[in-house]
mmCIF file of all heavy atoms, coordinates in Angstrom:
data_MODEL
# 
_entry.id   MODEL 
# 
loop_
_atom_site.group_PDB 
_atom_site.id 
_atom_site.type_symbol 
_atom_site.label_atom_id 
_atom_site.label_alt_id 
_atom_site.label_comp_id 
_atom_site.label_asym_id 
_atom_site.label_entity_id 
_atom_site.label_seq_id 
_atom_site.pdbx_PDB_ins_code 
_atom_site.Cartn_x 
_atom_site.Cartn_y 
_atom_site.Cartn_z 
_atom_site.occupancy 
_atom_site.B_iso_or_equiv 
_atom_site.pdbx_formal_charge 
_atom_site.auth_seq_id 
_atom_site.auth_comp_id 
_atom_site.auth_asym_id 
_atom_site.auth_atom_id 
_atom_site.pdbx_PDB_model_num 
ATOM 1   N N   . ALA A 1 1  ? 68.205 107.238 68.139  1.00 0.00 ? 1  ALA A N   1 
ATOM 2   C CA  . ALA A 1 1  ? 67.843 106.285 69.187  1.00 0.00 ? 1  ALA A CA  1 
ATOM 3   C C   . ALA A 1 1  ? 69.055 105.913 70.040  1.00 0.00 ? 1  ALA A C   1 
ATOM 4   O O   . ALA A 1 1  ? 70.129 105.610 69.508  1.00 0.00 ? 1  ALA A O   1 
ATOM 5   C CB  . ALA A 1 1  ? 67.236 105.031 68.569  1.00 0.00 ? 1  ALA A CB  1 
ATOM 6   N N   . GLN A 1 2  ? 68.877 105.946 71.333  1.00 0.00 ? 2  GLN A N   1 
ATOM 7   C CA  . GLN A 1 2  ? 69.898 105.537 72.289  1.00 0.00 ? 2  GLN A CA  1 
ATOM 8   C C   . GLN A 1 2  ? 69.223 104.792 73.428  1.00 0.00 ? 2  GLN A C   1 
ATOM 9   O O   . GLN A 1 2  ? 68.008 104.851 73.597  1.00 0.00 ? 2  GLN A O   1 
ATOM 10  C CB  . GLN A 1 2  ? 70.645 106.761 72.852  1.00 0.00 ? 2  GLN A CB  1 
ATOM 11  C CG  . GLN A 1 2  ? 71.418 107.569 71.830  1.00 0.00 ? 2  GLN A CG  1 
ATOM 12  C CD  . GLN A 1 2  ? 72.643 106.852 71.303  1.00 0.00 ? 2  GLN A CD  1 
ATOM 13  O OE1 . GLN A 1 2  ? 73.230 106.016 72.014  1.00 0.00 ? 2  GLN A OE1 1 
ATOM 14  N NE2 . GLN A 1 2  ? 73.045 107.164 70.073  1.00 0.00 ? 2  GLN A NE2 1 
ATOM 15  N N   . PHE A 1 3  ? 70.030 104.086 74.217  1.00 0.00 ? 3  PHE A N   1 
ATOM 16  C CA  . PHE A 1 3  ? 69.517 103.471 75.439  1.00 0.00 ? 3  PHE A CA  1 
ATOM 17  C C   . PHE A 1 3  ? 69.402 104.560 76.504  1.00 0.00 ? 3  PHE A C   1 
ATOM 18  O O   . PHE A 1 3  ? 70.404 105.179 76.867  1.00 0.00 ? 3  PHE A O   1 
ATOM 19  C CB  . PHE A 1 3  ? 70.435 102.351 75.924  1.00 0.00 ? 3  PHE A CB  1 
ATOM 20  C CG  . PHE A 1 3  ? 70.476 101.152 75.022  1.00 0.00 ? 3  PHE A CG  1 
ATOM 21  C CD1 . PHE A 1 3  ? 71.582 100.915 74.225  1.00 0.00 ? 3  PHE A CD1 1 
ATOM 22  C CD2 . PHE A 1 3  ? 69.409 100.278 74.958  1.00 0.00 ? 3  PHE A CD2 1 
ATOM 23  C CE1 . PHE A 1 3  ? 71.626 99.810  73.391  1.00 0.00 ? 3  PHE A CE1 1 
ATOM 24  C CE2 . PHE A 1 3  ? 69.444 99.174  74.133  1.00 0.00 ? 3  PHE A CE2 1 
ATOM 25  C CZ  . PHE A 1 3  ? 70.555 98.944  73.343  1.00 0.00 ? 3  PHE A CZ  1 
ATOM 26  N N   . SER A 1 4  ? 68.212 104.799 76.971  1.00 0.00 ? 4  SER A N   1 
ATOM 27  C CA  . SER A 1 4  ? 67.989 105.878 77.934  1.00 0.00 ? 4  SER A CA  1 
ATOM 28  C C   . SER A 1 4  ? 68.702 105.607 79.259  1.00 0.00 ? 4  SER A C   1 
ATOM 29  O O   . SER A 1 4  ? 68.710 104.471 79.755  1.00 0.00 ? 4  SER A O   1 
ATOM 30  C CB  . SER A 1 4  ? 66.483 106.047 78.196  1.00 0.00 ? 4  SER A CB  1 
ATOM 31  O OG  . SER A 1 4  ? 65.813 106.394 77.009  1.00 0.00 ? 4  SER A OG  1 
ATOM 32  N N   . TYR A 1 5  ? 69.326 106.632 79.798  1.00 0.00 ? 5  TYR A N   1 
ATOM 33  C CA  . TYR A 1 5  ? 69.947 106.610 81.132  1.00 0.00 ? 5  TYR A CA  1 
ATOM 34  C C   . TYR A 1 5  ? 71.038 105.553 81.274  1.00 0.00 ? 5  TYR A C   1 
ATOM 35  O O   . TYR A 1 5  ? 71.339 105.110 82.372  1.00 0.00 ? 5  TYR A O   1 
ATOM 36  C CB  . TYR A 1 5  ? 68.875 106.394 82.217  1.00 0.00 ? 5  TYR A CB  1 
ATOM 37  C CG  . TYR A 1 5  ? 67.691 107.314 82.081  1.00 0.00 ? 5  TYR A CG  1 
ATOM 38  C CD1 . TYR A 1 5  ? 66.439 106.816 81.751  1.00 0.00 ? 5  TYR A CD1 1 
ATOM 39  C CD2 . TYR A 1 5  ? 67.833 108.688 82.262  1.00 0.00 ? 5  TYR A CD2 1 
ATOM 40  C CE1 . TYR A 1 5  ? 65.348 107.665 81.603  1.00 0.00 ? 5  TYR A CE1 1 
ATOM 41  C CE2 . TYR A 1 5  ? 66.753 109.541 82.113  1.00 0.00 ? 5  TYR A CE2 1 
ATOM 42  C CZ  . TYR A 1 5  ? 65.517 109.026 81.783  1.00 0.00 ? 5  TYR A CZ  1 
ATOM 43  O OH  . TYR A 1 5  ? 64.447 109.862 81.640  1.00 0.00 ? 5  TYR A OH  1 
ATOM 44  N N   . ALA A 1 6  ? 71.652 105.152 80.168  1.00 0.00 ? 6  ALA A N   1 
ATOM 45  C CA  . ALA A 1 6  ? 72.723 104.160 80.263  1.00 0.00 ? 6  ALA A CA  1 
ATOM 46  C C   . ALA A 1 6  ? 74.025 104.781 80.750  1.00 0.00 ? 6  ALA A C   1 
ATOM 47  O O   . ALA A 1 6  ? 74.905 104.077 81.234  1.00 0.00 ? 6  ALA A O   1 
ATOM 48  C CB  . ALA A 1 6  ? 72.942 103.493 78.898  1.00 0.00 ? 6  ALA A CB  1 
ATOM 49  N N   . LYS A 1 7  ? 74.141 106.099 80.628  1.00 0.00 ? 7  LYS A N   1 
ATOM 50  C CA  . LYS A 1 7  ? 75.380 106.749 81.026  1.00 0.00 ? 7  LYS A CA  1 
ATOM 51  C C   . LYS A 1 7  ? 75.064 108.077 81.686  1.00 0.00 ? 7  LYS A C   1 
ATOM 52  O O   . LYS A 1 7  ? 74.204 108.828 81.232  1.00 0.00 ? 7  LYS A O   1 
ATOM 53  C CB  . LYS A 1 7  ? 76.277 106.972 79.805  1.00 0.00 ? 7  LYS A CB  1 
ATOM 54  C CG  . LYS A 1 7  ? 77.657 107.528 80.141  1.00 0.00 ? 7  LYS A CG  1 
ATOM 55  C CD  . LYS A 1 7  ? 78.534 107.593 78.897  1.00 0.00 ? 7  LYS A CD  1 
ATOM 56  C CE  . LYS A 1 7  ? 79.925 108.073 79.242  1.00 0.00 ? 7  LYS A CE  1 
ATOM 57  N NZ  . LYS A 1 7  ? 80.799 108.124 78.040  1.00 0.00 ? 7  LYS A NZ  1 
ATOM 58  N N   . SER A 1 8  ? 75.775 108.364 82.760  1.00 0.00 ? 8  SER A N   1 
ATOM 59  C CA  . SER A 1 8  ? 75.576 109.631 83.457  1.00 0.00 ? 8  SER A CA  1 
ATOM 60  C C   . SER A 1 8  ? 76.479 110.701 82.849  1.00 0.00 ? 8  SER A C   1 
ATOM 61  O O   . SER A 1 8  ? 77.688 110.487 82.717  1.00 0.00 ? 8  SER A O   1 
ATOM 62  C CB  . SER A 1 8  ? 75.899 109.483 84.943  1.00 0.00 ? 8  SER A CB  1 
ATOM 63  O OG  . SER A 1 8  ? 75.919 110.758 85.567  1.00 0.00 ? 8  SER A OG  1 
ATOM 64  N N   . PRO A 1 9  ? 75.929 111.856 82.492  1.00 0.00 ? 9  PRO A N   1 
ATOM 65  C CA  . PRO A 1 9  ? 76.772 112.937 81.966  1.00 0.00 ? 9  PRO A CA  1 
ATOM 66  C C   . PRO A 1 9  ? 77.470 113.726 83.063  1.00 0.00 ? 9  PRO A C   1 
ATOM 67  O O   . PRO A 1 9  ? 78.256 114.622 82.779  1.00 0.00 ? 9  PRO A O   1 
ATOM 68  C CB  . PRO A 1 9  ? 75.743 113.817 81.234  1.00 0.00 ? 9  PRO A CB  1 
ATOM 69  C CG  . PRO A 1 9  ? 74.475 113.634 81.999  1.00 0.00 ? 9  PRO A CG  1 
ATOM 70  C CD  . PRO A 1 9  ? 74.500 112.205 82.494  1.00 0.00 ? 9  PRO A CD  1 
ATOM 71  N N   . HIS A 1 10 ? 77.187 113.390 84.330  1.00 0.00 ? 10 HIS A N   1 
ATOM 72  C CA  . HIS A 1 10 ? 77.675 114.196 85.443  1.00 0.00 ? 10 HIS A CA  1 
ATOM 73  C C   . HIS A 1 10 ? 78.756 113.503 86.270  1.00 0.00 ? 10 HIS A C   1 
ATOM 74  O O   . HIS A 1 10 ? 79.318 114.127 87.178  1.00 0.00 ? 10 HIS A O   1 
ATOM 75  C CB  . HIS A 1 10 ? 76.510 114.567 86.366  1.00 0.00 ? 10 HIS A CB  1 
ATOM 76  C CG  . HIS A 1 10 ? 75.347 115.175 85.656  1.00 0.00 ? 10 HIS A CG  1 
ATOM 77  N ND1 . HIS A 1 10 ? 75.408 116.381 85.001  1.00 0.00 ? 10 HIS A ND1 1 
ATOM 78  C CD2 . HIS A 1 10 ? 74.074 114.717 85.478  1.00 0.00 ? 10 HIS A CD2 1 
ATOM 79  C CE1 . HIS A 1 10 ? 74.237 116.657 84.469  1.00 0.00 ? 10 HIS A CE1 1 
ATOM 80  N NE2 . HIS A 1 10 ? 73.409 115.668 84.741  1.00 0.00 ? 10 HIS A NE2 1 
ATOM 81  N N   . ALA A 1 11 ? 79.062 112.240 86.006  1.00 0.00 ? 11 ALA A N   1 
ATOM 82  C CA  . ALA A 1 11 ? 80.018 111.529 86.865  1.00 0.00 ? 11 ALA A CA  1 
ATOM 83  C C   . ALA A 1 11 ? 80.890 110.613 86.025  1.00 0.00 ? 11 ALA A C   1 
ATOM 84  O O   . ALA A 1 11 ? 80.451 110.047 85.018  1.00 0.00 ? 11 ALA A O   1 
ATOM 85  C CB  . ALA A 1 11 ? 79.279 110.720 87.924  1.00 0.00 ? 11 ALA A CB  1 
ATOM 86  N N   . SER A 1 12 ? 82.127 110.459 86.452  1.00 0.00 ? 12 SER A N   1 
ATOM 87  C CA  . SER A 1 12 ? 83.047 109.558 85.768  1.00 0.00 ? 12 SER A CA  1 
ATOM 88  C C   . SER A 1 12 ? 82.672 108.112 86.051  1.00 0.00 ? 12 SER A C   1 
ATOM 89  O O   . SER A 1 12 ? 81.877 107.818 86.956  1.00 0.00 ? 12 SER A O   1 
ATOM 90  C CB  . SER A 1 12 ? 84.474 109.813 86.242  1.00 0.00 ? 12 SER A CB  1 
ATOM 91  O OG  . SER A 1 12 ? 84.602 109.446 87.618  1.00 0.00 ? 12 SER A OG  1 
ATOM 92  N N   . ALA A 1 13 ? 83.278 107.205 85.293  1.00 0.00 ? 13 ALA A N   1 
ATOM 93  C CA  . ALA A 1 13 ? 83.001 105.785 85.503  1.00 0.00 ? 13 ALA A CA  1 
ATOM 94  C C   . ALA A 1 13 ? 83.399 105.344 86.906  1.00 0.00 ? 13 ALA A C   1 
ATOM 95  O O   . ALA A 1 13 ? 82.714 104.530 87.535  1.00 0.00 ? 13 ALA A O   1 
ATOM 96  C CB  . ALA A 1 13 ? 83.733 104.955 84.446  1.00 0.00 ? 13 ALA A CB  1 
ATOM 97  N N   . ALA A 1 14 ? 84.530 105.887 87.412  1.00 0.00 ? 14 ALA A N   1 
ATOM 98  C CA  . ALA A 1 14 ? 84.986 105.503 88.746  1.00 0.00 ? 14 ALA A CA  1 
ATOM 99  C C   . ALA A 1 14 ? 83.994 105.962 89.820  1.00 0.00 ? 14 ALA A C   1 
ATOM 100 O O   . ALA A 1 14 ? 83.682 105.212 90.755  1.00 0.00 ? 14 ALA A O   1 
ATOM 101 C CB  . ALA A 1 14 ? 86.368 106.097 89.017  1.00 0.00 ? 14 ALA A CB  1 
ATOM 102 N N   . VAL A 1 15 ? 83.507 107.189 89.682  1.00 0.00 ? 15 VAL A N   1 
ATOM 103 C CA  . VAL A 1 15 ? 82.528 107.696 90.653  1.00 0.00 ? 15 VAL A CA  1 
ATOM 104 C C   . VAL A 1 15 ? 81.234 106.895 90.568  1.00 0.00 ? 15 VAL A C   1 
ATOM 105 O O   . VAL A 1 15 ? 80.636 106.524 91.585  1.00 0.00 ? 15 VAL A O   1 
ATOM 106 C CB  . VAL A 1 15 ? 82.260 109.193 90.401  1.00 0.00 ? 15 VAL A CB  1 
ATOM 107 C CG1 . VAL A 1 15 ? 81.082 109.677 91.241  1.00 0.00 ? 15 VAL A CG1 1 
ATOM 108 C CG2 . VAL A 1 15 ? 83.509 110.010 90.727  1.00 0.00 ? 15 VAL A CG2 1 
ATOM 109 N N   . GLN A 1 16 ? 80.795 106.603 89.348  1.00 0.00 ? 16 GLN A N   1 
ATOM 110 C CA  . GLN A 1 16 ? 79.578 105.807 89.181  1.00 0.00 ? 16 GLN A CA  1 
ATOM 111 C C   . GLN A 1 16 ? 79.737 104.433 89.802  1.00 0.00 ? 16 GLN A C   1 
ATOM 112 O O   . GLN A 1 16 ? 78.785 103.888 90.377  1.00 0.00 ? 16 GLN A O   1 
ATOM 113 C CB  . GLN A 1 16 ? 79.240 105.682 87.696  1.00 0.00 ? 16 GLN A CB  1 
ATOM 114 C CG  . GLN A 1 16 ? 78.754 106.966 87.067  1.00 0.00 ? 16 GLN A CG  1 
ATOM 115 C CD  . GLN A 1 16 ? 78.423 106.774 85.605  1.00 0.00 ? 16 GLN A CD  1 
ATOM 116 O OE1 . GLN A 1 16 ? 77.473 106.050 85.264  1.00 0.00 ? 16 GLN A OE1 1 
ATOM 117 N NE2 . GLN A 1 16 ? 79.202 107.382 84.736  1.00 0.00 ? 16 GLN A NE2 1 
ATOM 118 N N   . ARG A 1 17 ? 80.924 103.847 89.683  1.00 0.00 ? 17 ARG A N   1 
ATOM 119 C CA  . ARG A 1 17 ? 81.161 102.527 90.271  1.00 0.00 ? 17 ARG A CA  1 
ATOM 120 C C   . ARG A 1 17 ? 81.016 102.578 91.783  1.00 0.00 ? 17 ARG A C   1 
ATOM 121 O O   . ARG A 1 17 ? 80.418 101.695 92.393  1.00 0.00 ? 17 ARG A O   1 
ATOM 122 C CB  . ARG A 1 17 ? 82.546 102.035 89.872  1.00 0.00 ? 17 ARG A CB  1 
ATOM 123 C CG  . ARG A 1 17 ? 82.932 100.654 90.375  1.00 0.00 ? 17 ARG A CG  1 
ATOM 124 C CD  . ARG A 1 17 ? 82.107 99.550  89.730  1.00 0.00 ? 17 ARG A CD  1 
ATOM 125 N NE  . ARG A 1 17 ? 81.043 99.058  90.556  1.00 0.00 ? 17 ARG A NE  1 
ATOM 126 C CZ  . ARG A 1 17 ? 80.199 98.091  90.185  1.00 0.00 ? 17 ARG A CZ  1 
ATOM 127 N NH1 . ARG A 1 17 ? 80.312 97.537  88.991  1.00 0.00 ? 17 ARG A NH1 1 
ATOM 128 N NH2 . ARG A 1 17 ? 79.252 97.698  90.987  1.00 0.00 ? 17 ARG A NH2 1 
ATOM 129 N N   . ARG A 1 18 ? 81.555 103.645 92.412  1.00 0.00 ? 18 ARG A N   1 
ATOM 130 C CA  . ARG A 1 18 ? 81.439 103.776 93.869  1.00 0.00 ? 18 ARG A CA  1 
ATOM 131 C C   . ARG A 1 18 ? 79.985 103.996 94.268  1.00 0.00 ? 18 ARG A C   1 
ATOM 132 O O   . ARG A 1 18 ? 79.505 103.437 95.263  1.00 0.00 ? 18 ARG A O   1 
ATOM 133 C CB  . ARG A 1 18 ? 82.323 104.923 94.369  1.00 0.00 ? 18 ARG A CB  1 
ATOM 134 C CG  . ARG A 1 18 ? 83.823 104.671 94.225  1.00 0.00 ? 18 ARG A CG  1 
ATOM 135 C CD  . ARG A 1 18 ? 84.626 105.581 95.130  1.00 0.00 ? 18 ARG A CD  1 
ATOM 136 N NE  . ARG A 1 18 ? 84.414 106.991 94.833  1.00 0.00 ? 18 ARG A NE  1 
ATOM 137 C CZ  . ARG A 1 18 ? 85.117 107.685 93.930  1.00 0.00 ? 18 ARG A CZ  1 
ATOM 138 N NH1 . ARG A 1 18 ? 86.064 107.066 93.228  1.00 0.00 ? 18 ARG A NH1 1 
ATOM 139 N NH2 . ARG A 1 18 ? 84.892 108.968 93.753  1.00 0.00 ? 18 ARG A NH2 1 
ATOM 140 N N   . GLN A 1 19 ? 79.289 104.825 93.479  1.00 0.00 ? 19 GLN A N   1 
ATOM 141 C CA  . GLN A 1 19 ? 77.869 105.058 93.773  1.00 0.00 ? 19 GLN A CA  1 
ATOM 142 C C   . GLN A 1 19 ? 77.069 103.756 93.653  1.00 0.00 ? 19 GLN A C   1 
ATOM 143 O O   . GLN A 1 19 ? 76.212 103.461 94.499  1.00 0.00 ? 19 GLN A O   1 
ATOM 144 C CB  . GLN A 1 19 ? 77.309 106.105 92.804  1.00 0.00 ? 19 GLN A CB  1 
ATOM 145 C CG  . GLN A 1 19 ? 77.856 107.501 93.016  1.00 0.00 ? 19 GLN A CG  1 
ATOM 146 C CD  . GLN A 1 19 ? 77.390 108.471 91.927  1.00 0.00 ? 19 GLN A CD  1 
ATOM 147 O OE1 . GLN A 1 19 ? 77.044 108.057 90.817  1.00 0.00 ? 19 GLN A OE1 1 
ATOM 148 N NE2 . GLN A 1 19 ? 77.388 109.765 92.252  1.00 0.00 ? 19 GLN A NE2 1 
ATOM 149 N N   . LEU A 1 20 ? 77.376 103.011 92.618  1.00 0.00 ? 20 LEU A N   1 
ATOM 150 C CA  . LEU A 1 20 ? 76.655 101.758 92.405  1.00 0.00 ? 20 LEU A CA  1 
ATOM 151 C C   . LEU A 1 20 ? 76.964 100.757 93.504  1.00 0.00 ? 20 LEU A C   1 
ATOM 152 O O   . LEU A 1 20 ? 76.071 100.036 93.970  1.00 0.00 ? 20 LEU A O   1 
ATOM 153 C CB  . LEU A 1 20 ? 77.013 101.174 91.037  1.00 0.00 ? 20 LEU A CB  1 
ATOM 154 C CG  . LEU A 1 20 ? 76.336 99.858  90.663  1.00 0.00 ? 20 LEU A CG  1 
ATOM 155 C CD1 . LEU A 1 20 ? 74.819 100.011 90.655  1.00 0.00 ? 20 LEU A CD1 1 
ATOM 156 C CD2 . LEU A 1 20 ? 76.821 99.373  89.291  1.00 0.00 ? 20 LEU A CD2 1 
ATOM 157 N N   . ASP A 1 21 ? 78.215 100.697 93.947  1.00 0.00 ? 21 ASP A N   1 
ATOM 158 C CA  . ASP A 1 21 ? 78.570 99.777  95.023  1.00 0.00 ? 21 ASP A CA  1 
ATOM 159 C C   . ASP A 1 21 ? 77.780 100.085 96.289  1.00 0.00 ? 21 ASP A C   1 
ATOM 160 O O   . ASP A 1 21 ? 77.300 99.175  96.984  1.00 0.00 ? 21 ASP A O   1 
ATOM 161 C CB  . ASP A 1 21 ? 80.071 99.859  95.311  1.00 0.00 ? 21 ASP A CB  1 
ATOM 162 C CG  . ASP A 1 21 ? 80.908 99.206  94.222  1.00 0.00 ? 21 ASP A CG  1 
ATOM 163 O OD1 . ASP A 1 21 ? 80.332 98.429  93.424  1.00 0.00 ? 21 ASP A OD1 1 
ATOM 164 O OD2 . ASP A 1 21 ? 82.114 99.495  94.147  1.00 0.00 ? 21 ASP A OD2 1 
ATOM 165 N N   . LEU A 1 22 ? 77.646 101.381 96.606  1.00 0.00 ? 22 LEU A N   1 
ATOM 166 C CA  . LEU A 1 22 ? 76.864 101.769 97.779  1.00 0.00 ? 22 LEU A CA  1 
ATOM 167 C C   . LEU A 1 22 ? 75.403 101.361 97.603  1.00 0.00 ? 22 LEU A C   1 
ATOM 168 O O   . LEU A 1 22 ? 74.797 100.783 98.520  1.00 0.00 ? 22 LEU A O   1 
ATOM 169 C CB  . LEU A 1 22 ? 76.962 103.279 98.000  1.00 0.00 ? 22 LEU A CB  1 
ATOM 170 C CG  . LEU A 1 22 ? 76.057 103.857 99.102  1.00 0.00 ? 22 LEU A CG  1 
ATOM 171 C CD1 . LEU A 1 22 ? 76.386 103.236 100.452 1.00 0.00 ? 22 LEU A CD1 1 
ATOM 172 C CD2 . LEU A 1 22 ? 76.186 105.377 99.147  1.00 0.00 ? 22 LEU A CD2 1 
ATOM 173 N N   . LEU A 1 23 ? 74.851 101.658 96.443  1.00 0.00 ? 23 LEU A N   1 
ATOM 174 C CA  . LEU A 1 23 ? 73.456 101.312 96.189  1.00 0.00 ? 23 LEU A CA  1 
ATOM 175 C C   . LEU A 1 23 ? 73.236 99.810  96.270  1.00 0.00 ? 23 LEU A C   1 
ATOM 176 O O   . LEU A 1 23 ? 72.245 99.331  96.848  1.00 0.00 ? 23 LEU A O   1 
ATOM 177 C CB  . LEU A 1 23 ? 73.040 101.835 94.815  1.00 0.00 ? 23 LEU A CB  1 
ATOM 178 C CG  . LEU A 1 23 ? 71.594 101.577 94.385  1.00 0.00 ? 23 LEU A CG  1 
ATOM 179 C CD1 . LEU A 1 23 ? 70.631 102.257 95.348  1.00 0.00 ? 23 LEU A CD1 1 
ATOM 180 C CD2 . LEU A 1 23 ? 71.368 102.077 92.967  1.00 0.00 ? 23 LEU A CD2 1 
ATOM 181 N N   . GLN A 1 24 ? 74.167 99.033  95.721  1.00 0.00 ? 24 GLN A N   1 
ATOM 182 C CA  . GLN A 1 24 ? 74.018 97.586  95.738  1.00 0.00 ? 24 GLN A CA  1 
ATOM 183 C C   . GLN A 1 24 ? 74.154 97.027  97.148  1.00 0.00 ? 24 GLN A C   1 
ATOM 184 O O   . GLN A 1 24 ? 73.481 96.051  97.495  1.00 0.00 ? 24 GLN A O   1 
ATOM 185 C CB  . GLN A 1 24 ? 75.059 96.938  94.813  1.00 0.00 ? 24 GLN A CB  1 
ATOM 186 C CG  . GLN A 1 24 ? 74.917 97.322  93.332  1.00 0.00 ? 24 GLN A CG  1 
ATOM 187 C CD  . GLN A 1 24 ? 73.630 96.826  92.712  1.00 0.00 ? 24 GLN A CD  1 
ATOM 188 O OE1 . GLN A 1 24 ? 72.538 97.158  93.170  1.00 0.00 ? 24 GLN A OE1 1 
ATOM 189 N NE2 . GLN A 1 24 ? 73.750 96.035  91.670  1.00 0.00 ? 24 GLN A NE2 1 
# 
């Protein structure tokens, strides 16, 4: 059991942060 979609296997934390900032 894991939390689904909690982490992207394709992007680093820094890239995810930039993506999230744009989305937000």
